Amino acid sequence: MGILVTLILSCQDKSITELLQELKSPQKSERRAAKEALEKLGKDAVPELRKVAKADFEIRRELWDIIEAIESGPGLEIFKKIENSVLGAKTISVKCRWQQGDKAESAMNGQIFSDQKNRIRVELSWKGQIGSRDILLVSDGSNACYRPSGDPADKNRQDLRSKPAEGFPRRFWEQLMASDSLAAVSTWGQPNNAQMKDWTSGSARSRMLQVRVGEPDNGAGTLTYTYSIFSSAWPMKIWYDPVTFRPIKRKREMEQPLGAGMTTVTETYDEWSIDGNIPEEKFKLPEKK
């Protein structure tokens, strides 16, 4: 039995006061064990933990992390099921619509194909106030070819570019599950992010915060959460099928450039096809011009 597991078991019968003292221990393993034990106390311990967090500066940050873990636990469990319903599929075909604001500042339609052979194809048609463009990402399992999703007016970003495709589909779906398909494309299009092997919804650079189970809506389950990436944090709401855990719709609040206020982005997934047949030509890389 590992040292940490032994410590956690030994903590289970201790009082909150004793665990809070061990949270200040100079031994990292003891602090981790105390944190795990406090999290297992569940929501009944939250009022006391909040009270201590306001008074004890030394462990305030640790206590807020513990409170967040307790309150987000059920929501994170559901979110993981949503993510696993996608990542575990042999093949995926999904149609989506992306709308920014009530006055159609920008709109997008697209289709995504993917399989467990490290292959993916993303076709998005994006129209906005400053122009329109088609966004394309294709991976044949070894290489990925993509057209960056930046400013449609920037002619320097129109050409297709290539990168190694190691782990590409998984990172794409993880990013889409956390935010939306345009964000997934944008993340891949950033030179540094595309090479990050640890790019997941739980990584240090992107975090799920304040995940809460919402009220059912016309038969669909709902979750609200905040998606934090680098210095940005976006309030999110996702609707999902409570049987298959496939996403149905998602809303994201985002800040407009130049202080123009907040707007709402809605991405609707009109059709999910799991474990079906996808034509081989969908994963063929475009010919270089």
Protein backbone atom coordinates (compact mmCIF):
# COMPACT_ATOMS: atom_id res chain seq x y z
CA MET A 1 0.00 0.00 0.00
CA GLY A 2 1.39 3.43 -0.97
CA ILE A 3 2.35 6.01 1.63
CA LEU A 4 -0.32 8.48 0.48
CA VAL A 5 -3.08 5.84 0.54
CA THR A 6 -2.03 4.83 4.05
CA LEU A 7 -2.13 8.45 5.18
CA ILE A 8 -5.57 9.00 3.66
CA LEU A 9 -6.95 5.92 5.42
CA SER A 10 -5.46 7.09 8.70
CA CYS A 11 -7.14 10.49 8.22
CA GLN A 12 -10.64 9.15 7.74
CA ASP A 13 -11.55 9.03 11.44
CA LYS A 14 -10.04 12.41 12.33
CA SER A 15 -12.03 15.54 13.10
CA ILE A 16 -12.11 18.58 10.83
CA THR A 17 -9.96 20.43 13.37
CA GLU A 18 -7.27 17.72 13.23
CA LEU A 19 -7.34 17.62 9.43
CA LEU A 20 -7.05 21.40 9.21
CA GLN A 21 -3.93 21.25 11.37
CA GLU A 22 -2.43 18.55 9.14
CA LEU A 23 -3.18 20.78 6.13
CA LYS A 24 -0.44 23.02 7.55
CA SER A 25 2.07 20.17 7.86
CA PRO A 26 5.56 20.71 6.39
CA GLN A 27 5.23 17.22 4.89
CA LYS A 28 3.71 17.35 1.40
CA SER A 29 2.30 13.82 1.69
CA GLU A 30 0.48 14.70 4.93
CA ARG A 31 -0.99 17.85 3.38
CA ARG A 32 -2.23 15.89 0.36
CA ALA A 33 -3.73 13.19 2.59
CA ALA A 34 -5.51 15.81 4.72
CA LYS A 35 -6.85 17.51 1.60
CA GLU A 36 -8.19 14.21 0.22
CA ALA A 37 -9.82 13.42 3.57
CA LEU A 38 -11.44 16.86 3.81
CA GLU A 39 -12.82 16.52 0.27
CA LYS A 40 -14.36 13.17 1.21
CA LEU A 41 -16.29 14.81 4.06
CA GLY A 42 -18.56 16.24 1.37
CA LYS A 43 -21.01 19.12 1.32
CA ASP A 44 -21.87 18.86 5.03
CA ALA A 45 -18.36 20.13 5.82
CA VAL A 46 -18.54 23.13 3.49
CA PRO A 47 -20.03 25.67 5.97
CA GLU A 48 -17.24 24.97 8.48
CA LEU A 49 -14.56 25.07 5.77
CA ARG A 50 -15.88 28.42 4.52
CA LYS A 51 -15.77 29.82 8.04
CA VAL A 52 -12.15 28.74 8.52
CA ALA A 53 -11.14 29.96 5.04
CA LYS A 54 -12.26 33.48 5.90
CA ALA A 55 -10.24 33.49 9.13
CA ASP A 56 -7.10 31.47 8.42
CA PHE A 57 -4.95 33.14 5.76
CA GLU A 58 -2.29 30.41 5.91
CA ILE A 59 -4.50 27.72 4.38
CA ARG A 60 -7.15 29.91 2.75
CA ARG A 61 -6.20 29.00 -0.81
CA GLU A 62 -6.11 25.26 -0.04
CA LEU A 63 -9.51 25.45 1.63
CA TRP A 64 -11.14 27.25 -1.30
CA ASP A 65 -9.72 24.55 -3.61
CA ILE A 66 -11.22 21.88 -1.33
CA ILE A 67 -14.60 23.64 -1.25
CA GLU A 68 -14.55 23.96 -5.04
CA ALA A 69 -13.72 20.26 -5.41
CA ILE A 70 -16.62 19.28 -3.13
CA GLU A 71 -19.16 21.54 -4.83
CA SER A 72 -18.03 20.71 -8.37
CA GLY A 73 -17.73 16.95 -7.79
CA PRO A 74 -21.16 15.85 -9.13
CA GLY A 75 -20.93 18.24 -12.07
CA LEU A 76 -17.41 17.17 -12.98
CA GLU A 77 -18.51 13.54 -12.88
CA ILE A 78 -21.27 14.27 -15.39
CA PHE A 79 -18.93 16.38 -17.53
CA LYS A 80 -16.47 13.47 -17.65
CA LYS A 81 -19.26 11.21 -18.88
CA ILE A 82 -20.05 13.73 -21.63
CA GLU A 83 -16.38 13.85 -22.60
CA ASN A 84 -16.00 10.06 -22.48
CA SER A 85 -19.07 9.57 -24.70
CA VAL A 86 -17.13 11.38 -27.41
CA LEU A 87 -13.58 10.20 -26.74
CA GLY A 88 -14.68 6.56 -26.52
CA ALA A 89 -16.47 6.46 -29.87
CA LYS A 90 -14.93 4.47 -32.74
CA THR A 91 -16.17 7.02 -35.27
CA ILE A 92 -17.94 10.36 -34.92
CA SER A 93 -19.86 12.52 -37.34
CA VAL A 94 -21.45 15.71 -36.01
CA LYS A 95 -23.16 18.71 -37.59
CA CYS A 96 -23.01 22.00 -35.69
CA ARG A 97 -24.21 25.60 -35.85
CA TRP A 98 -22.42 28.51 -34.14
CA GLN A 99 -24.15 31.85 -33.57
CA GLN A 100 -22.71 34.96 -31.91
CA GLY A 101 -25.22 37.36 -30.39
CA ASP A 102 -28.87 37.96 -31.21
CA LYS A 103 -28.18 40.03 -34.31
CA ALA A 104 -26.05 37.44 -36.09
CA GLU A 105 -22.73 39.28 -35.75
CA SER A 106 -21.20 36.03 -36.95
CA ALA A 107 -22.49 32.60 -37.82
CA MET A 108 -20.91 29.27 -38.58
CA ASN A 109 -22.03 25.92 -39.91
CA GLY A 110 -19.87 22.86 -40.02
CA GLN A 111 -19.34 19.15 -39.89
CA ILE A 112 -16.75 17.11 -38.02
CA PHE A 113 -15.61 13.56 -38.79
CA SER A 114 -13.27 11.56 -36.57
CA ASP A 115 -12.16 8.02 -35.80
CA GLN A 116 -9.88 6.13 -33.45
CA LYS A 117 -7.12 5.91 -36.08
CA ASN A 118 -5.98 9.43 -35.17
CA ARG A 119 -7.85 10.83 -38.15
CA ILE A 120 -10.15 13.84 -38.21
CA ARG A 121 -11.74 16.27 -40.64
CA VAL A 122 -13.29 19.59 -39.59
CA GLU A 123 -15.19 21.63 -42.18
CA LEU A 124 -16.49 25.00 -40.97
CA SER A 125 -18.04 27.83 -42.97
CA TRP A 126 -17.79 31.09 -41.01
CA LYS A 127 -19.51 34.38 -41.93
CA GLY A 128 -19.05 37.59 -39.93
CA GLN A 129 -19.17 41.36 -40.18
CA ILE A 130 -15.65 41.56 -41.60
CA GLY A 131 -15.98 38.81 -44.17
CA SER A 132 -16.40 35.09 -44.58
CA ARG A 133 -14.15 32.09 -44.96
CA ASP A 134 -13.99 28.33 -44.88
CA ILE A 135 -11.98 26.69 -42.12
CA LEU A 136 -10.51 23.27 -42.72
CA LEU A 137 -8.55 20.80 -40.63
CA VAL A 138 -7.65 17.34 -41.91
CA SER A 139 -5.55 14.60 -40.35
CA ASP A 140 -4.73 11.31 -42.07
CA GLY A 141 -3.33 9.89 -38.83
CA SER A 142 0.26 10.96 -39.41
CA ASN A 143 0.05 14.57 -40.52
CA ALA A 144 -2.49 17.34 -40.08
CA CYS A 145 -3.27 20.05 -42.59
CA TYR A 146 -5.16 23.13 -41.39
CA ARG A 147 -6.21 26.63 -42.34
CA PRO A 148 -5.95 29.03 -39.36
CA SER A 149 -9.20 30.46 -38.07
CA GLY A 150 -8.09 34.07 -37.58
CA ASP A 151 -9.29 37.30 -39.11
CA PRO A 152 -11.02 36.54 -42.45
CA ALA A 153 -9.61 39.81 -43.84
CA ASP A 154 -6.03 38.65 -43.21
CA LYS A 155 -4.94 37.14 -46.53
CA ASN A 156 -1.73 35.85 -44.93
CA ARG A 157 -3.80 33.34 -42.94
CA GLN A 158 -5.63 31.81 -45.88
CA ASP A 159 -3.08 29.17 -46.86
CA LEU A 160 -3.13 25.62 -45.55
CA ARG A 161 -0.36 24.67 -43.11
CA SER A 162 0.89 21.28 -41.94
CA LYS A 163 1.97 19.80 -38.61
CA PRO A 164 2.52 16.34 -37.12
CA ALA A 165 -0.83 14.91 -36.04
CA GLU A 166 0.18 13.05 -32.88
CA GLY A 167 -2.77 13.08 -30.47
CA PHE A 168 -4.55 15.70 -32.56
CA PRO A 169 -8.14 14.33 -32.53
CA ARG A 170 -8.13 13.75 -28.77
CA ARG A 171 -6.89 17.27 -28.03
CA PHE A 172 -9.44 18.68 -30.45
CA TRP A 173 -12.37 16.90 -28.79
CA GLU A 174 -11.17 17.77 -25.31
CA GLN A 175 -11.06 21.43 -26.29
CA LEU A 176 -14.45 21.25 -28.02
CA MET A 177 -16.05 19.62 -24.96
CA ALA A 178 -14.69 22.39 -22.74
CA SER A 179 -15.63 25.30 -25.02
CA ASP A 180 -16.80 25.02 -28.65
CA SER A 181 -15.66 23.91 -32.09
CA LEU A 182 -14.30 27.31 -33.16
CA ALA A 183 -12.21 27.45 -29.98
CA ALA A 184 -10.96 23.94 -30.74
CA VAL A 185 -9.87 25.04 -34.20
CA SER A 186 -8.29 28.23 -32.85
CA THR A 187 -6.35 26.31 -30.22
CA TRP A 188 -4.92 23.99 -32.82
CA GLY A 189 -3.99 26.96 -34.98
CA GLN A 190 -1.74 28.49 -32.31
CA PRO A 191 1.87 27.35 -32.87
CA ASN A 192 2.68 26.66 -29.21
CA ASN A 193 -0.64 25.13 -28.17
CA ALA A 194 -0.73 22.65 -31.02
CA GLN A 195 2.33 20.85 -29.65
CA MET A 196 1.14 20.61 -26.05
CA LYS A 197 0.67 16.92 -25.28
CA ASP A 198 -1.05 17.72 -21.97
CA TRP A 199 -3.72 19.97 -23.51
CA THR A 200 -6.86 18.71 -21.75
CA SER A 201 -9.79 20.29 -19.97
CA GLY A 202 -8.01 19.59 -16.70
CA SER A 203 -4.56 20.89 -17.60
CA ALA A 204 -2.76 23.70 -15.82
CA ARG A 205 -3.38 26.05 -18.75
CA SER A 206 -7.11 25.39 -19.01
CA ARG A 207 -9.41 24.63 -16.09
CA MET A 208 -13.03 23.81 -15.39
CA LEU A 209 -14.28 25.87 -12.44
CA GLN A 210 -17.56 26.09 -10.54
CA VAL A 211 -19.13 23.12 -12.30
CA ARG A 212 -22.74 22.91 -11.14
CA VAL A 213 -25.59 20.57 -12.03
CA GLY A 214 -28.50 22.59 -13.40
CA GLU A 215 -32.23 21.98 -13.67
CA PRO A 216 -33.47 19.68 -16.49
CA ASP A 217 -34.64 21.56 -19.58
CA ASN A 218 -37.20 19.86 -21.86
CA GLY A 219 -35.76 16.44 -21.08
CA ALA A 220 -32.13 17.52 -21.43
CA GLY A 221 -29.68 17.64 -18.54
CA THR A 222 -27.76 20.88 -17.96
CA LEU A 223 -24.45 21.91 -16.46
CA THR A 224 -23.07 25.38 -15.79
CA TYR A 225 -19.37 26.05 -15.35
CA THR A 226 -16.62 28.55 -15.91
CA TYR A 227 -13.95 27.67 -18.44
CA SER A 228 -10.66 29.36 -17.63
CA ILE A 229 -7.84 29.50 -20.16
CA PHE A 230 -4.72 31.58 -19.55
CA SER A 231 -6.11 34.95 -18.29
CA SER A 232 -9.64 34.54 -19.72
CA ALA A 233 -12.65 33.02 -17.97
CA TRP A 234 -15.92 32.28 -19.77
CA PRO A 235 -19.27 31.42 -18.12
CA MET A 236 -20.65 28.34 -19.89
CA LYS A 237 -23.84 26.28 -19.97
CA ILE A 238 -24.18 22.93 -21.70
CA TRP A 239 -27.26 20.85 -22.49
CA TYR A 240 -26.76 17.09 -22.86
CA ASP A 241 -28.68 13.87 -23.44
CA PRO A 242 -29.02 12.28 -19.97
CA VAL A 243 -28.99 8.77 -21.47
CA THR A 244 -26.15 8.92 -23.99
CA PHE A 245 -24.37 11.96 -22.44
CA ARG A 246 -23.86 13.46 -25.88
CA PRO A 247 -23.85 17.28 -25.97
CA ILE A 248 -26.90 18.98 -27.49
CA LYS A 249 -26.15 22.69 -27.15
CA ARG A 250 -23.77 25.03 -25.38
CA LYS A 251 -23.80 28.76 -24.55
CA ARG A 252 -20.71 30.80 -23.79
CA GLU A 253 -20.49 34.42 -22.66
CA MET A 254 -17.55 36.26 -24.16
CA GLU A 255 -16.22 39.79 -24.05
CA GLN A 256 -16.37 41.80 -27.26
CA PRO A 257 -13.20 43.59 -28.43
CA LEU A 258 -12.59 47.27 -27.70
CA GLY A 259 -14.84 47.33 -24.66
CA ALA A 260 -18.03 46.65 -26.60
CA GLY A 261 -19.49 44.57 -23.76
CA MET A 262 -20.48 40.92 -23.45
CA THR A 263 -22.14 38.76 -26.06
CA THR A 264 -23.44 35.21 -26.03
CA VAL A 265 -22.16 32.51 -28.35
CA THR A 266 -24.48 29.54 -28.88
CA GLU A 267 -23.24 26.33 -30.47
CA THR A 268 -25.91 23.78 -31.34
CA TYR A 269 -25.11 20.18 -32.27
CA ASP A 270 -27.82 19.19 -34.71
CA GLU A 271 -26.76 15.63 -35.44
CA TRP A 272 -24.53 13.07 -33.77
CA SER A 273 -23.64 9.83 -35.52
CA ILE A 274 -21.56 7.45 -33.40
CA ASP A 275 -19.74 4.35 -34.67
CA GLY A 276 -21.01 4.71 -38.23
CA ASN A 277 -19.23 4.48 -41.58
CA ILE A 278 -17.16 7.46 -42.70
CA PRO A 279 -15.90 7.54 -46.31
CA GLU A 280 -12.12 7.17 -46.53
CA GLU A 281 -11.80 10.27 -48.71
CA LYS A 282 -12.86 12.42 -45.76
CA PHE A 283 -9.42 11.84 -44.22
CA LYS A 284 -7.40 12.42 -47.37
CA LEU A 285 -5.02 15.37 -47.08
CA PRO A 286 -5.57 18.18 -49.62
CA GLU A 287 -3.05 18.28 -52.43
CA LYS A 288 -0.41 20.99 -52.17
CA LYS A 289 -0.78 23.75 -54.72
